[in-house]
Amino acid sequence: MSAVPYTGARAFARLATRTTVVRVALGAVLAALVLAVAATARHPKLDKAPLVAPTAGGVLALDLSASISSDTFSRIGATLADLSSRGGRYGLVIFSTSAYEALPPGSPASALKPLVRYFQLPQRTAPGRQSTYPPNPWTKSFSAGTQISRGLELARRVELDRRTRRPAVVLISDLADDPNDLSRLTAELEAYRANGIKLTVIPLNAAPSDLGRFAGVATRVIPASTLEDRPAAGRPPRAVLPTALILLIVVIASLLAANELRTARLRWGT
């Protein structure tokens, strides 16, 4: 069968060009959305995130001075369990009247987990005996007065020596500082401000007046709780509903449908 000439065929040229442009644009958008879906699927959103971003520095300064009583032990245990379950990487500085580096910077958060047992009451005890916290390595040989400036100074030097682009320190303490250390603590907090170090404070039953010393310097203040208050503190993070991923898939499906409806080939009617 020979073709039937149609005098208005040239009028379709502009429409064909427009259809090609729309197809190319839709193809580019679809390709970008597919890449976005792949990236979103590789990094699922969790209900827990590291306290300090993995791309930033992170040093924990833990107060184990004599003022840290058994009343606050459970809060230390809950905090360490929560940090270890969130993931991330941290160094650990332990201090009282002196300070030392217990874990090097960049240690996985899971390295904190073995310390949790020293700050939890045993679940089983002998009949007639009251549960007590197990002796920890710092009870007799390390714990003394409180000089918060010592712990903060060492944590700051650790971060600066690493030349971390975004240095960050997390202070875990009851904040009951030695009166003779207050002037040095003030100077250390000014050094944090000058060096641009982000300071997160987790107070352990701290008095409001002690916490007030960190106003204007601390980036965040996160109240500590006990494992009884937060039984899921040591639970591994779980994935939450991927809303963004679902939305991207819906958008891709909608664009594919639009492509079929708006840019399909013309067909002669019967």
C-alpha atoms as a PDB file:
ATOM      1  CA  MET A   1       0.000   0.000   0.000  1.00  0.00           C
ATOM      2  CA  SER A   2       1.496   3.343  -1.031  1.00  0.00           C
ATOM      3  CA  ALA A   3       1.679   6.300   1.360  1.00  0.00           C
ATOM      4  CA  VAL A   4      -0.980   8.952   1.258  1.00  0.00           C
ATOM      5  CA  PRO A   5       0.509  12.465   1.018  1.00  0.00           C
ATOM      6  CA  TYR A   6      -0.559  14.896   3.742  1.00  0.00           C
ATOM      7  CA  THR A   7      -0.061  18.583   3.122  1.00  0.00           C
ATOM      8  CA  GLY A   8       0.017  19.485   6.852  1.00  0.00           C
ATOM      9  CA  ALA A   9       2.915  17.155   7.726  1.00  0.00           C
ATOM     10  CA  ARG A  10       5.316  20.080   8.239  1.00  0.00           C
ATOM     11  CA  ALA A  11       3.155  21.318  11.094  1.00  0.00           C
ATOM     12  CA  PHE A  12       4.185  18.263  13.098  1.00  0.00           C
ATOM     13  CA  ALA A  13       7.882  19.226  12.994  1.00  0.00           C
ATOM     14  CA  ARG A  14       7.516  21.803  15.788  1.00  0.00           C
ATOM     15  CA  LEU A  15       5.515  19.329  17.877  1.00  0.00           C
ATOM     16  CA  ALA A  16       8.102  16.610  17.299  1.00  0.00           C
ATOM     17  CA  THR A  17      10.897  18.941  18.465  1.00  0.00           C
ATOM     18  CA  ARG A  18       8.932  19.847  21.578  1.00  0.00           C
ATOM     19  CA  THR A  19       8.286  16.174  22.313  1.00  0.00           C
ATOM     20  CA  THR A  20      12.007  15.373  21.968  1.00  0.00           C
ATOM     21  CA  VAL A  21      12.945  18.185  24.355  1.00  0.00           C
ATOM     22  CA  VAL A  22      10.359  16.998  26.891  1.00  0.00           C
ATOM     23  CA  ARG A  23      11.611  13.416  26.619  1.00  0.00           C
ATOM     24  CA  VAL A  24      15.239  14.442  27.141  1.00  0.00           C
ATOM     25  CA  ALA A  25      14.301  16.617  30.142  1.00  0.00           C
ATOM     26  CA  LEU A  26      12.209  13.849  31.684  1.00  0.00           C
ATOM     27  CA  GLY A  27      15.003  11.356  31.081  1.00  0.00           C
ATOM     28  CA  ALA A  28      17.522  13.599  32.854  1.00  0.00           C
ATOM     29  CA  VAL A  29      15.164  14.157  35.800  1.00  0.00           C
ATOM     30  CA  LEU A  30      14.424  10.438  36.046  1.00  0.00           C
ATOM     31  CA  ALA A  31      18.143   9.584  35.983  1.00  0.00           C
ATOM     32  CA  ALA A  32      18.807  12.098  38.774  1.00  0.00           C
ATOM     33  CA  LEU A  33      15.931  10.709  40.831  1.00  0.00           C
ATOM     34  CA  VAL A  34      17.161   7.134  40.385  1.00  0.00           C
ATOM     35  CA  LEU A  35      20.591   8.182  41.655  1.00  0.00           C
ATOM     36  CA  ALA A  36      18.914   9.945  44.613  1.00  0.00           C
ATOM     37  CA  VAL A  37      16.957   6.762  45.399  1.00  0.00           C
ATOM     38  CA  ALA A  38      20.152   4.699  45.303  1.00  0.00           C
ATOM     39  CA  ALA A  39      21.936   7.147  47.624  1.00  0.00           C
ATOM     40  CA  THR A  40      18.987   7.249  50.037  1.00  0.00           C
ATOM     41  CA  ALA A  41      18.731   3.456  50.116  1.00  0.00           C
ATOM     42  CA  ARG A  42      22.461   3.136  50.947  1.00  0.00           C
ATOM     43  CA  HIS A  43      22.125   5.370  54.012  1.00  0.00           C
ATOM     44  CA  PRO A  44      18.883   4.464  55.795  1.00  0.00           C
ATOM     45  CA  LYS A  45      17.629   6.839  58.455  1.00  0.00           C
ATOM     46  CA  LEU A  46      17.979   5.433  61.962  1.00  0.00           C
ATOM     47  CA  ASP A  47      16.131   6.289  65.159  1.00  0.00           C
ATOM     48  CA  LYS A  48      19.531   6.926  66.776  1.00  0.00           C
ATOM     49  CA  ALA A  49      22.448   8.922  65.455  1.00  0.00           C
ATOM     50  CA  PRO A  50      25.957   9.415  66.859  1.00  0.00           C
ATOM     51  CA  LEU A  51      26.126  12.247  69.368  1.00  0.00           C
ATOM     52  CA  VAL A  52      28.988  13.708  67.342  1.00  0.00           C
ATOM     53  CA  ALA A  53      28.855  13.502  63.549  1.00  0.00           C
ATOM     54  CA  PRO A  54      31.252  10.905  62.077  1.00  0.00           C
ATOM     55  CA  THR A  55      32.819  13.629  59.916  1.00  0.00           C
ATOM     56  CA  ALA A  56      33.698  15.695  63.010  1.00  0.00           C
ATOM     57  CA  GLY A  57      36.153  15.130  65.804  1.00  0.00           C
ATOM     58  CA  GLY A  58      34.931  13.767  69.094  1.00  0.00           C
ATOM     59  CA  VAL A  59      36.481  13.364  72.557  1.00  0.00           C
ATOM     60  CA  LEU A  60      34.562  12.360  75.679  1.00  0.00           C
ATOM     61  CA  ALA A  61      35.737  13.925  78.944  1.00  0.00           C
ATOM     62  CA  LEU A  62      34.434  11.713  81.771  1.00  0.00           C
ATOM     63  CA  ASP A  63      34.504  12.908  85.382  1.00  0.00           C
ATOM     64  CA  LEU A  64      35.364  10.098  87.834  1.00  0.00           C
ATOM     65  CA  SER A  65      36.319  12.225  90.822  1.00  0.00           C
ATOM     66  CA  ALA A  66      35.318  11.478  94.394  1.00  0.00           C
ATOM     67  CA  SER A  67      32.268  13.743  94.058  1.00  0.00           C
ATOM     68  CA  ILE A  68      30.806  11.254  91.577  1.00  0.00           C
ATOM     69  CA  SER A  69      28.757   9.167  93.995  1.00  0.00           C
ATOM     70  CA  SER A  70      26.850   5.961  93.458  1.00  0.00           C
ATOM     71  CA  ASP A  71      23.728   8.084  92.888  1.00  0.00           C
ATOM     72  CA  THR A  72      25.163   9.205  89.557  1.00  0.00           C
ATOM     73  CA  PHE A  73      26.755   5.899  88.559  1.00  0.00           C
ATOM     74  CA  SER A  74      23.594   4.688  86.853  1.00  0.00           C
ATOM     75  CA  ARG A  75      23.499   7.904  84.820  1.00  0.00           C
ATOM     76  CA  ILE A  76      27.083   7.376  83.690  1.00  0.00           C
ATOM     77  CA  GLY A  77      26.215   3.783  82.751  1.00  0.00           C
ATOM     78  CA  ALA A  78      23.157   4.874  80.769  1.00  0.00           C
ATOM     79  CA  THR A  79      25.148   7.577  78.985  1.00  0.00           C
ATOM     80  CA  LEU A  80      27.997   5.242  77.999  1.00  0.00           C
ATOM     81  CA  ALA A  81      25.539   2.535  76.898  1.00  0.00           C
ATOM     82  CA  ASP A  82      23.660   5.054  74.773  1.00  0.00           C
ATOM     83  CA  LEU A  83      26.834   6.424  73.186  1.00  0.00           C
ATOM     84  CA  SER A  84      28.156   2.943  72.402  1.00  0.00           C
ATOM     85  CA  SER A  85      24.865   1.895  70.783  1.00  0.00           C
ATOM     86  CA  ARG A  86      24.649   5.034  68.632  1.00  0.00           C
ATOM     87  CA  GLY A  87      27.908   4.336  66.850  1.00  0.00           C
ATOM     88  CA  GLY A  88      30.437   6.925  65.776  1.00  0.00           C
ATOM     89  CA  ARG A  89      34.040   7.378  66.869  1.00  0.00           C
ATOM     90  CA  TYR A  90      35.412   8.986  70.017  1.00  0.00           C
ATOM     91  CA  GLY A  91      38.483   9.457  72.110  1.00  0.00           C
ATOM     92  CA  LEU A  92      38.082   9.164  75.891  1.00  0.00           C
ATOM     93  CA  VAL A  93      39.669  11.360  78.554  1.00  0.00           C
ATOM     94  CA  ILE A  94      39.102  10.464  82.218  1.00  0.00           C
ATOM     95  CA  PHE A  95      39.820  13.083  84.850  1.00  0.00           C
ATOM     96  CA  SER A  96      39.628  14.076  88.512  1.00  0.00           C
ATOM     97  CA  THR A  97      42.486  16.256  89.808  1.00  0.00           C
ATOM     98  CA  SER A  98      44.515  14.946  86.862  1.00  0.00           C
ATOM     99  CA  ALA A  99      43.556  13.650  83.440  1.00  0.00           C
ATOM    100  CA  TYR A 100      44.726  10.941  81.107  1.00  0.00           C
ATOM    101  CA  GLU A 101      43.790   9.612  77.676  1.00  0.00           C
ATOM    102  CA  ALA A 102      41.990   6.294  78.147  1.00  0.00           C
ATOM    103  CA  LEU A 103      41.024   5.755  74.485  1.00  0.00           C
ATOM    104  CA  PRO A 104      42.757   7.312  71.488  1.00  0.00           C
ATOM    105  CA  PRO A 105      40.751   9.562  69.155  1.00  0.00           C
ATOM    106  CA  GLY A 106      38.873   7.722  66.452  1.00  0.00           C
ATOM    107  CA  SER A 107      38.132   4.674  68.603  1.00  0.00           C
ATOM    108  CA  PRO A 108      34.798   3.033  67.678  1.00  0.00           C
ATOM    109  CA  ALA A 109      31.965   3.799  70.067  1.00  0.00           C
ATOM    110  CA  SER A 110      31.707   0.074  70.807  1.00  0.00           C
ATOM    111  CA  ALA A 111      34.958   0.426  72.786  1.00  0.00           C
ATOM    112  CA  LEU A 112      32.930   2.223  75.472  1.00  0.00           C
ATOM    113  CA  LYS A 113      30.699  -0.784  76.064  1.00  0.00           C
ATOM    114  CA  PRO A 114      33.096  -2.705  78.380  1.00  0.00           C
ATOM    115  CA  LEU A 115      33.076   0.302  80.741  1.00  0.00           C
ATOM    116  CA  VAL A 116      29.301   0.210  81.235  1.00  0.00           C
ATOM    117  CA  ARG A 117      29.445  -2.748  83.646  1.00  0.00           C
ATOM    118  CA  TYR A 118      31.261  -0.661  86.262  1.00  0.00           C
ATOM    119  CA  PHE A 119      28.270   1.682  86.464  1.00  0.00           C
ATOM    120  CA  GLN A 120      25.437  -0.833  86.616  1.00  0.00           C
ATOM    121  CA  LEU A 121      24.078  -2.673  89.623  1.00  0.00           C
ATOM    122  CA  PRO A 122      24.390  -6.461  89.345  1.00  0.00           C
ATOM    123  CA  GLN A 123      21.103  -8.157  88.516  1.00  0.00           C
ATOM    124  CA  ARG A 124      21.822 -11.082  90.837  1.00  0.00           C
ATOM    125  CA  THR A 125      23.137 -10.882  94.381  1.00  0.00           C
ATOM    126  CA  ALA A 126      23.404 -13.296  97.277  1.00  0.00           C
ATOM    127  CA  PRO A 127      20.252 -13.617  99.408  1.00  0.00           C
ATOM    128  CA  GLY A 128      20.086 -10.914 102.063  1.00  0.00           C
ATOM    129  CA  ARG A 129      22.777  -8.768 100.470  1.00  0.00           C
ATOM    130  CA  GLN A 130      22.122  -5.396  98.899  1.00  0.00           C
ATOM    131  CA  SER A 131      23.304  -4.778  95.357  1.00  0.00           C
ATOM    132  CA  THR A 132      26.373  -2.559  95.109  1.00  0.00           C
ATOM    133  CA  TYR A 133      28.265  -1.216  92.143  1.00  0.00           C
ATOM    134  CA  PRO A 134      31.322  -3.298  91.247  1.00  0.00           C
ATOM    135  CA  PRO A 135      34.691  -1.692  92.059  1.00  0.00           C
ATOM    136  CA  ASN A 136      36.086   0.115  89.052  1.00  0.00           C
ATOM    137  CA  PRO A 137      39.770   0.626  88.177  1.00  0.00           C
ATOM    138  CA  TRP A 138      39.655   4.277  89.258  1.00  0.00           C
ATOM    139  CA  THR A 139      38.028   3.985  92.708  1.00  0.00           C
ATOM    140  CA  LYS A 140      41.224   3.794  94.787  1.00  0.00           C
ATOM    141  CA  SER A 141      44.031   4.844  92.488  1.00  0.00           C
ATOM    142  CA  PHE A 142      42.546   7.766  90.583  1.00  0.00           C
ATOM    143  CA  SER A 143      39.409   9.357  92.023  1.00  0.00           C
ATOM    144  CA  ALA A 144      40.077  12.449  94.122  1.00  0.00           C
ATOM    145  CA  GLY A 145      38.990  16.078  93.868  1.00  0.00           C
ATOM    146  CA  THR A 146      37.390  17.622  90.804  1.00  0.00           C
ATOM    147  CA  GLN A 147      39.306  19.851  88.424  1.00  0.00           C
ATOM    148  CA  ILE A 148      37.202  20.051  85.300  1.00  0.00           C
ATOM    149  CA  SER A 149      39.743  22.295  83.620  1.00  0.00           C
ATOM    150  CA  ARG A 150      42.215  19.381  83.574  1.00  0.00           C
ATOM    151  CA  GLY A 151      39.867  17.147  81.610  1.00  0.00           C
ATOM    152  CA  LEU A 152      38.771  19.894  79.228  1.00  0.00           C
ATOM    153  CA  GLU A 153      42.351  21.016  78.638  1.00  0.00           C
ATOM    154  CA  LEU A 154      43.550  17.539  77.693  1.00  0.00           C
ATOM    155  CA  ALA A 155      40.496  16.938  75.479  1.00  0.00           C
ATOM    156  CA  ARG A 156      41.104  20.277  73.730  1.00  0.00           C
ATOM    157  CA  ARG A 157      44.790  19.502  73.133  1.00  0.00           C
ATOM    158  CA  VAL A 158      43.890  16.079  71.739  1.00  0.00           C
ATOM    159  CA  GLU A 159      41.513  17.653  69.233  1.00  0.00           C
ATOM    160  CA  LEU A 160      43.919  20.430  68.240  1.00  0.00           C
ATOM    161  CA  ASP A 161      46.844  18.022  67.847  1.00  0.00           C
ATOM    162  CA  ARG A 162      44.754  16.004  65.383  1.00  0.00           C
ATOM    163  CA  ARG A 163      44.036  19.198  63.401  1.00  0.00           C
ATOM    164  CA  THR A 164      40.378  18.228  63.331  1.00  0.00           C
ATOM    165  CA  ARG A 165      38.351  20.419  61.002  1.00  0.00           C
ATOM    166  CA  ARG A 166      35.336  20.416  63.310  1.00  0.00           C
ATOM    167  CA  PRO A 167      36.606  19.680  66.832  1.00  0.00           C
ATOM    168  CA  ALA A 168      34.036  18.614  69.418  1.00  0.00           C
ATOM    169  CA  VAL A 169      34.192  17.596  73.073  1.00  0.00           C
ATOM    170  CA  VAL A 170      31.501  15.949  75.217  1.00  0.00           C
ATOM    171  CA  LEU A 171      31.786  16.645  78.959  1.00  0.00           C
ATOM    172  CA  ILE A 172      30.148  14.101  81.303  1.00  0.00           C
ATOM    173  CA  SER A 173      30.332  15.423  84.850  1.00  0.00           C
ATOM    174  CA  ASP A 174      28.390  16.506  87.926  1.00  0.00           C
ATOM    175  CA  LEU A 175      30.064  19.916  87.291  1.00  0.00           C
ATOM    176  CA  ALA A 176      30.901  20.310  91.002  1.00  0.00           C
ATOM    177  CA  ASP A 177      34.301  21.881  90.416  1.00  0.00           C
ATOM    178  CA  ASP A 178      36.957  22.571  93.041  1.00  0.00           C
ATOM    179  CA  PRO A 179      36.697  26.272  94.052  1.00  0.00           C
ATOM    180  CA  ASN A 180      40.454  26.624  93.478  1.00  0.00           C
ATOM    181  CA  ASP A 181      39.951  25.479  89.882  1.00  0.00           C
ATOM    182  CA  LEU A 182      37.203  27.942  88.898  1.00  0.00           C
ATOM    183  CA  SER A 183      39.502  30.607  87.470  1.00  0.00           C
ATOM    184  CA  ARG A 184      41.369  28.029  85.425  1.00  0.00           C
ATOM    185  CA  LEU A 185      38.056  26.549  84.246  1.00  0.00           C
ATOM    186  CA  THR A 186      36.905  29.999  83.095  1.00  0.00           C
ATOM    187  CA  ALA A 187      40.118  30.438  81.114  1.00  0.00           C
ATOM    188  CA  GLU A 188      39.722  26.971  79.585  1.00  0.00           C
ATOM    189  CA  LEU A 189      36.158  27.724  78.489  1.00  0.00           C
ATOM    190  CA  GLU A 190      37.425  30.906  76.837  1.00  0.00           C
ATOM    191  CA  ALA A 191      40.011  28.776  75.010  1.00  0.00           C
ATOM    192  CA  TYR A 192      37.187  26.560  73.738  1.00  0.00           C
ATOM    193  CA  ARG A 193      35.399  29.615  72.423  1.00  0.00           C
ATOM    194  CA  ALA A 194      38.574  30.972  70.800  1.00  0.00           C
ATOM    195  CA  ASN A 195      39.431  27.627  69.165  1.00  0.00           C
ATOM    196  CA  GLY A 196      35.894  27.076  67.886  1.00  0.00           C
ATOM    197  CA  ILE A 197      35.490  23.764  69.711  1.00  0.00           C
ATOM    198  CA  LYS A 198      31.897  22.615  70.093  1.00  0.00           C
ATOM    199  CA  LEU A 199      31.212  21.603  73.686  1.00  0.00           C
ATOM    200  CA  THR A 200      28.337  19.295  74.624  1.00  0.00           C
ATOM    201  CA  VAL A 201      27.614  19.012  78.356  1.00  0.00           C
ATOM    202  CA  ILE A 202      25.885  15.997  79.916  1.00  0.00           C
ATOM    203  CA  PRO A 203      25.320  17.042  83.552  1.00  0.00           C
ATOM    204  CA  LEU A 204      25.034  14.330  86.214  1.00  0.00           C
ATOM    205  CA  ASN A 205      22.671  15.664  88.885  1.00  0.00           C
ATOM    206  CA  ALA A 206      24.386  19.039  88.518  1.00  0.00           C
ATOM    207  CA  ALA A 207      23.348  22.072  90.556  1.00  0.00           C
ATOM    208  CA  PRO A 208      21.920  24.965  88.483  1.00  0.00           C
ATOM    209  CA  SER A 209      24.718  27.273  89.646  1.00  0.00           C
ATOM    210  CA  ASP A 210      27.370  24.802  88.429  1.00  0.00           C
ATOM    211  CA  LEU A 211      25.618  24.352  85.104  1.00  0.00           C
ATOM    212  CA  GLY A 212      25.361  28.123  84.695  1.00  0.00           C
ATOM    213  CA  ARG A 213      29.153  28.405  84.334  1.00  0.00           C
ATOM    214  CA  PHE A 214      28.869  26.758  80.932  1.00  0.00           C
ATOM    215  CA  ALA A 215      26.167  29.090  79.604  1.00  0.00           C
ATOM    216  CA  GLY A 216      27.256  30.768  76.395  1.00  0.00           C
ATOM    217  CA  VAL A 217      30.014  28.225  75.760  1.00  0.00           C
ATOM    218  CA  ALA A 218      28.232  24.867  75.670  1.00  0.00           C
ATOM    219  CA  THR A 219      26.680  24.152  72.278  1.00  0.00           C
ATOM    220  CA  ARG A 220      24.261  21.629  73.781  1.00  0.00           C
ATOM    221  CA  VAL A 221      23.205  20.500  77.224  1.00  0.00           C
ATOM    222  CA  ILE A 222      21.755  16.975  77.309  1.00  0.00           C
ATOM    223  CA  PRO A 223      20.302  15.800  80.635  1.00  0.00           C
ATOM    224  CA  ALA A 224      21.575  12.368  81.666  1.00  0.00           C
ATOM    225  CA  SER A 225      19.091   9.685  82.656  1.00  0.00           C
ATOM    226  CA  THR A 226      19.359   6.251  84.228  1.00  0.00           C
ATOM    227  CA  LEU A 227      18.943   2.898  82.515  1.00  0.00           C
ATOM    228  CA  GLU A 228      15.735   2.557  84.516  1.00  0.00           C
ATOM    229  CA  ASP A 229      14.476   5.777  82.925  1.00  0.00           C
ATOM    230  CA  ARG A 230      15.630   4.710  79.460  1.00  0.00           C
ATOM    231  CA  PRO A 231      15.715   0.912  79.258  1.00  0.00           C
ATOM    232  CA  ALA A 232      16.435   1.113  75.513  1.00  0.00           C
ATOM    233  CA  ALA A 233      19.588   3.204  76.002  1.00  0.00           C
ATOM    234  CA  GLY A 234      21.821   0.305  75.002  1.00  0.00           C
ATOM    235  CA  ARG A 235      19.557  -0.959  72.234  1.00  0.00           C
ATOM    236  CA  PRO A 236      21.097  -0.881  68.747  1.00  0.00           C
ATOM    237  CA  PRO A 237      19.640   1.753  66.397  1.00  0.00           C
ATOM    238  CA  ARG A 238      16.716   0.758  64.208  1.00  0.00           C
ATOM    239  CA  ALA A 239      15.719   1.954  60.767  1.00  0.00           C
ATOM    240  CA  VAL A 240      12.700   4.239  60.630  1.00  0.00           C
ATOM    241  CA  LEU A 241      10.106   4.469  57.849  1.00  0.00           C
ATOM    242  CA  PRO A 242      12.015   5.777  54.787  1.00  0.00           C
ATOM    243  CA  THR A 243       9.605   8.605  53.955  1.00  0.00           C
ATOM    244  CA  ALA A 244      12.055  10.314  51.581  1.00  0.00           C
ATOM    245  CA  LEU A 245      12.677   7.054  49.701  1.00  0.00           C
ATOM    246  CA  ILE A 246       8.953   6.390  49.317  1.00  0.00           C
ATOM    247  CA  LEU A 247       8.371   9.948  48.090  1.00  0.00           C
ATOM    248  CA  LEU A 248      11.125   9.642  45.496  1.00  0.00           C
ATOM    249  CA  ILE A 249       9.671   6.375  44.200  1.00  0.00           C
ATOM    250  CA  VAL A 250       6.210   7.963  43.890  1.00  0.00           C
ATOM    251  CA  VAL A 251       7.705  10.899  41.962  1.00  0.00           C
ATOM    252  CA  ILE A 252       9.536   8.529  39.584  1.00  0.00           C
ATOM    253  CA  ALA A 253       6.366   6.524  38.959  1.00  0.00           C
ATOM    254  CA  SER A 254       4.413   9.729  38.297  1.00  0.00           C
ATOM    255  CA  LEU A 255       6.995  11.004  35.814  1.00  0.00           C
ATOM    256  CA  LEU A 256       7.064   7.656  33.986  1.00  0.00           C
ATOM    257  CA  ALA A 257       3.282   7.783  33.709  1.00  0.00           C
ATOM    258  CA  ALA A 258       3.439  11.375  32.455  1.00  0.00           C
ATOM    259  CA  ASN A 259       6.040  10.355  29.892  1.00  0.00           C
ATOM    260  CA  GLU A 260       3.770   7.613  28.551  1.00  0.00           C
ATOM    261  CA  LEU A 261       0.731   9.863  28.412  1.00  0.00           C
ATOM    262  CA  ARG A 262       2.282  13.044  27.006  1.00  0.00           C
ATOM    263  CA  THR A 263       5.110  11.866  24.756  1.00  0.00           C
ATOM    264  CA  ALA A 264       3.773   8.645  23.257  1.00  0.00           C
ATOM    265  CA  ARG A 265       4.012   8.183  19.498  1.00  0.00           C
ATOM    266  CA  LEU A 266       1.117   9.450  17.401  1.00  0.00           C
ATOM    267  CA  ARG A 267      -1.104   6.772  15.901  1.00  0.00           C
ATOM    268  CA  TRP A 268      -3.688   7.146  13.244  1.00  0.00           C
ATOM    269  CA  GLY A 269      -7.186   6.476  14.367  1.00  0.00           C
ATOM    270  CA  THR A 270      -9.075   3.580  12.840  1.00  0.00           C
END
